[in-house]
Amino acid sequence: MLIGSAHNLREIKIKEKQKVKEIFLSSLFKNNGNFLGLNKFNLLSNYTKKDVIALGGISKENIKIINLTKSFGFAGISYFKNKKKGP
């Protein structure tokens, strides 16, 4: 499956031309140069018919907020990295 990452509308359109199936849209929570926040994330999600995956700064503290997005799912290294392994 071909997937791509985008941070703004221009990059979303590039990914659509590349015929990706899903687009990782970042950064939803992580406050960095690509920080979108909830409102901008949802606004950008409206500009594509592709499935959008939330990415960036996702933690157990903010995971429920993803339900307020138009996200198909989420991905996050730190979310899964910080999970305790085993019993």
N, C-alpha and C. Protein backbone atom coordinates (compact mmCIF):
# COMPACT_ATOMS: atom_id res chain seq x y z
N MET A 1 0.85 -1.17 0.00
CA MET A 1 0.00 0.00 0.00
C MET A 1 0.90 1.23 0.00
N LEU A 2 0.58 2.20 -0.82
CA LEU A 2 1.34 3.43 -0.91
C LEU A 2 0.72 4.48 0.00
N ILE A 3 1.52 5.00 0.94
CA ILE A 3 1.06 6.02 1.87
C ILE A 3 2.01 7.20 1.79
N GLY A 4 1.56 8.37 2.27
CA GLY A 4 2.41 9.54 2.23
C GLY A 4 2.16 10.43 3.43
N SER A 5 3.06 11.36 3.64
CA SER A 5 2.97 12.28 4.76
C SER A 5 2.81 13.70 4.24
N ALA A 6 1.95 14.48 4.92
CA ALA A 6 1.72 15.87 4.53
C ALA A 6 1.58 16.74 5.76
N HIS A 7 1.92 18.02 5.58
CA HIS A 7 1.83 18.99 6.67
C HIS A 7 0.98 20.19 6.30
N ASN A 8 0.58 20.27 5.04
CA ASN A 8 -0.21 21.42 4.58
C ASN A 8 -0.97 21.04 3.31
N LEU A 9 -1.77 21.97 2.79
CA LEU A 9 -2.61 21.68 1.63
C LEU A 9 -1.78 21.36 0.39
N ARG A 10 -0.70 22.08 0.18
CA ARG A 10 0.14 21.84 -1.00
C ARG A 10 0.68 20.41 -0.98
N GLU A 11 1.13 19.95 0.17
CA GLU A 11 1.66 18.59 0.29
C GLU A 11 0.56 17.55 0.15
N ILE A 12 -0.65 17.85 0.61
CA ILE A 12 -1.79 16.93 0.43
C ILE A 12 -2.05 16.73 -1.06
N LYS A 13 -2.06 17.81 -1.82
CA LYS A 13 -2.31 17.72 -3.27
C LYS A 13 -1.19 16.95 -3.98
N ILE A 14 0.05 17.11 -3.53
CA ILE A 14 1.16 16.35 -4.09
C ILE A 14 0.95 14.86 -3.84
N LYS A 15 0.56 14.51 -2.62
CA LYS A 15 0.33 13.10 -2.29
C LYS A 15 -0.80 12.50 -3.12
N GLU A 16 -1.84 13.31 -3.37
CA GLU A 16 -2.94 12.82 -4.21
C GLU A 16 -2.45 12.55 -5.64
N LYS A 17 -1.59 13.41 -6.17
CA LYS A 17 -1.03 13.19 -7.51
C LYS A 17 -0.14 11.96 -7.54
N GLN A 18 0.47 11.65 -6.40
CA GLN A 18 1.29 10.45 -6.29
C GLN A 18 0.45 9.19 -6.09
N LYS A 19 -0.87 9.39 -6.02
CA LYS A 19 -1.84 8.29 -5.90
C LYS A 19 -1.65 7.45 -4.64
N VAL A 20 -1.38 8.13 -3.52
CA VAL A 20 -1.29 7.39 -2.26
C VAL A 20 -2.69 6.95 -1.83
N LYS A 21 -2.75 5.90 -1.04
CA LYS A 21 -4.03 5.41 -0.55
C LYS A 21 -4.44 6.15 0.72
N GLU A 22 -3.47 6.44 1.58
CA GLU A 22 -3.72 7.13 2.84
C GLU A 22 -2.68 8.22 3.03
N ILE A 23 -3.05 9.25 3.80
CA ILE A 23 -2.14 10.36 4.06
C ILE A 23 -1.97 10.53 5.57
N PHE A 24 -0.71 10.46 6.02
CA PHE A 24 -0.39 10.82 7.39
C PHE A 24 -0.36 12.35 7.44
N LEU A 25 -1.20 12.93 8.28
CA LEU A 25 -1.26 14.38 8.41
C LEU A 25 -0.70 14.77 9.77
N SER A 26 0.34 15.58 9.77
CA SER A 26 0.99 15.91 11.04
C SER A 26 1.36 17.38 11.10
N SER A 27 1.56 17.86 12.18
CA SER A 27 1.55 17.22 13.48
C SER A 27 0.30 17.66 14.24
N LEU A 28 -0.49 16.72 14.68
CA LEU A 28 -1.74 17.04 15.36
C LEU A 28 -1.49 17.68 16.72
N PHE A 29 -0.67 17.08 17.57
CA PHE A 29 -0.47 17.59 18.93
C PHE A 29 0.93 18.14 19.18
N LYS A 30 1.93 17.55 18.58
CA LYS A 30 3.32 17.92 18.87
C LYS A 30 3.58 19.36 18.43
N ASN A 31 3.94 20.18 19.38
CA ASN A 31 4.14 21.60 19.12
C ASN A 31 5.53 21.83 18.53
N ASN A 32 5.58 21.74 17.20
CA ASN A 32 6.84 21.96 16.49
C ASN A 32 6.55 22.83 15.26
N GLY A 33 7.44 22.88 14.33
CA GLY A 33 7.25 23.71 13.14
C GLY A 33 6.07 23.29 12.29
N ASN A 34 5.60 22.05 12.44
CA ASN A 34 4.48 21.54 11.65
C ASN A 34 3.21 21.42 12.46
N PHE A 35 3.15 22.04 13.63
CA PHE A 35 2.00 21.90 14.53
C PHE A 35 0.72 22.41 13.86
N LEU A 36 -0.30 21.56 13.82
CA LEU A 36 -1.59 21.93 13.22
C LEU A 36 -2.65 22.24 14.26
N GLY A 37 -2.73 21.42 15.30
CA GLY A 37 -3.82 21.57 16.25
C GLY A 37 -5.09 20.96 15.67
N LEU A 38 -6.11 20.88 16.49
CA LEU A 38 -7.36 20.20 16.14
C LEU A 38 -8.10 20.87 14.98
N ASN A 39 -8.29 22.18 15.04
CA ASN A 39 -9.08 22.87 14.03
C ASN A 39 -8.42 22.85 12.65
N LYS A 40 -7.15 23.14 12.58
CA LYS A 40 -6.46 23.14 11.29
C LYS A 40 -6.36 21.73 10.73
N PHE A 41 -6.16 20.75 11.61
CA PHE A 41 -6.12 19.36 11.18
C PHE A 41 -7.43 18.99 10.48
N ASN A 42 -8.57 19.31 11.12
CA ASN A 42 -9.87 18.99 10.53
C ASN A 42 -10.11 19.77 9.24
N LEU A 43 -9.69 21.02 9.20
CA LEU A 43 -9.85 21.82 7.99
C LEU A 43 -9.08 21.20 6.84
N LEU A 44 -7.82 20.84 7.07
CA LEU A 44 -7.03 20.22 6.01
C LEU A 44 -7.59 18.86 5.60
N SER A 45 -8.15 18.13 6.53
CA SER A 45 -8.75 16.82 6.22
C SER A 45 -9.90 16.95 5.24
N ASN A 46 -10.57 18.09 5.26
CA ASN A 46 -11.70 18.31 4.35
C ASN A 46 -11.27 18.46 2.90
N TYR A 47 -10.00 18.74 2.65
CA TYR A 47 -9.52 18.99 1.29
C TYR A 47 -9.12 17.74 0.54
N THR A 48 -9.31 16.58 1.14
CA THR A 48 -8.97 15.33 0.45
C THR A 48 -10.04 14.28 0.72
N LYS A 49 -10.18 13.39 -0.24
CA LYS A 49 -11.09 12.25 -0.06
C LYS A 49 -10.31 11.02 0.39
N LYS A 50 -8.99 11.15 0.47
CA LYS A 50 -8.16 10.05 0.96
C LYS A 50 -8.36 9.87 2.46
N ASP A 51 -8.11 8.67 2.96
CA ASP A 51 -8.12 8.44 4.40
C ASP A 51 -6.95 9.20 5.02
N VAL A 52 -7.23 9.92 6.09
CA VAL A 52 -6.22 10.71 6.78
C VAL A 52 -5.90 10.05 8.11
N ILE A 53 -4.61 9.90 8.40
CA ILE A 53 -4.13 9.30 9.63
C ILE A 53 -3.47 10.40 10.47
N ALA A 54 -3.90 10.53 11.72
CA ALA A 54 -3.33 11.53 12.63
C ALA A 54 -1.94 11.09 13.06
N LEU A 55 -1.03 12.05 13.11
CA LEU A 55 0.35 11.76 13.47
C LEU A 55 0.92 12.95 14.24
N GLY A 56 1.72 12.67 15.25
CA GLY A 56 2.46 13.72 15.94
C GLY A 56 1.99 14.05 17.34
N GLY A 57 2.76 13.64 18.31
CA GLY A 57 2.50 14.00 19.70
C GLY A 57 1.35 13.26 20.37
N ILE A 58 0.97 12.13 19.84
CA ILE A 58 -0.16 11.38 20.39
C ILE A 58 0.29 10.62 21.64
N SER A 59 -0.48 10.78 22.70
CA SER A 59 -0.15 10.14 23.98
C SER A 59 -1.42 9.59 24.61
N LYS A 60 -1.26 8.86 25.71
CA LYS A 60 -2.44 8.34 26.39
C LYS A 60 -3.29 9.47 26.97
N GLU A 61 -2.68 10.63 27.21
CA GLU A 61 -3.42 11.77 27.75
C GLU A 61 -4.32 12.44 26.72
N ASN A 62 -3.94 12.40 25.45
CA ASN A 62 -4.73 13.10 24.43
C ASN A 62 -5.36 12.18 23.38
N ILE A 63 -5.24 10.87 23.56
CA ILE A 63 -5.74 9.91 22.57
C ILE A 63 -7.24 10.07 22.30
N LYS A 64 -8.02 10.39 23.32
CA LYS A 64 -9.47 10.52 23.13
C LYS A 64 -9.85 11.71 22.27
N ILE A 65 -8.98 12.71 22.20
CA ILE A 65 -9.25 13.89 21.38
C ILE A 65 -9.28 13.54 19.89
N ILE A 66 -8.62 12.46 19.53
CA ILE A 66 -8.61 12.04 18.12
C ILE A 66 -10.03 11.75 17.64
N ASN A 67 -10.92 11.37 18.55
CA ASN A 67 -12.32 11.15 18.18
C ASN A 67 -12.99 12.42 17.67
N LEU A 68 -12.41 13.58 17.95
CA LEU A 68 -12.96 14.85 17.47
C LEU A 68 -12.43 15.22 16.09
N THR A 69 -11.57 14.39 15.53
CA THR A 69 -11.01 14.66 14.22
C THR A 69 -11.72 13.84 13.15
N LYS A 70 -11.38 14.13 11.93
CA LYS A 70 -11.90 13.36 10.79
C LYS A 70 -10.88 12.31 10.38
N SER A 71 -10.12 11.85 11.36
CA SER A 71 -9.04 10.91 11.12
C SER A 71 -9.57 9.49 10.99
N PHE A 72 -8.96 8.75 10.07
CA PHE A 72 -9.27 7.35 9.86
C PHE A 72 -8.59 6.48 10.91
N GLY A 73 -7.52 7.01 11.48
CA GLY A 73 -6.75 6.28 12.48
C GLY A 73 -5.64 7.18 13.01
N PHE A 74 -4.70 6.59 13.72
CA PHE A 74 -3.57 7.36 14.23
C PHE A 74 -2.31 6.52 14.23
N ALA A 75 -1.19 7.20 14.25
CA ALA A 75 0.11 6.55 14.35
C ALA A 75 0.97 7.41 15.25
N GLY A 76 1.84 6.79 15.99
CA GLY A 76 2.72 7.55 16.86
C GLY A 76 3.78 6.69 17.50
N ILE A 77 5.00 7.01 17.22
CA ILE A 77 6.11 6.25 17.78
C ILE A 77 6.10 6.33 19.31
N SER A 78 5.98 7.54 19.84
CA SER A 78 6.05 7.69 21.30
C SER A 78 4.85 7.04 21.99
N TYR A 79 3.69 7.03 21.36
CA TYR A 79 2.51 6.39 21.96
C TYR A 79 2.78 4.91 22.18
N PHE A 80 3.29 4.24 21.18
CA PHE A 80 3.53 2.81 21.29
C PHE A 80 4.84 2.50 22.01
N LYS A 81 5.81 3.38 21.90
CA LYS A 81 7.10 3.17 22.55
C LYS A 81 6.97 3.21 24.07
N ASN A 82 6.07 4.03 24.57
CA ASN A 82 5.89 4.20 26.01
C ASN A 82 4.95 3.17 26.63
N LYS A 83 4.37 2.30 25.83
CA LYS A 83 3.50 1.25 26.36
C LYS A 83 4.34 0.21 27.08
N LYS A 84 3.88 -0.21 28.25
CA LYS A 84 4.59 -1.23 29.02
C LYS A 84 4.43 -2.58 28.33
N LYS A 85 5.52 -3.28 28.16
CA LYS A 85 5.50 -4.59 27.51
C LYS A 85 5.33 -5.69 28.55
N GLY A 86 4.46 -6.60 28.23
CA GLY A 86 4.28 -7.77 29.08
C GLY A 86 3.56 -7.47 30.37
N PRO A 87 3.26 -8.54 31.14
CA PRO A 87 2.53 -8.37 32.42
C PRO A 87 3.37 -7.81 33.55
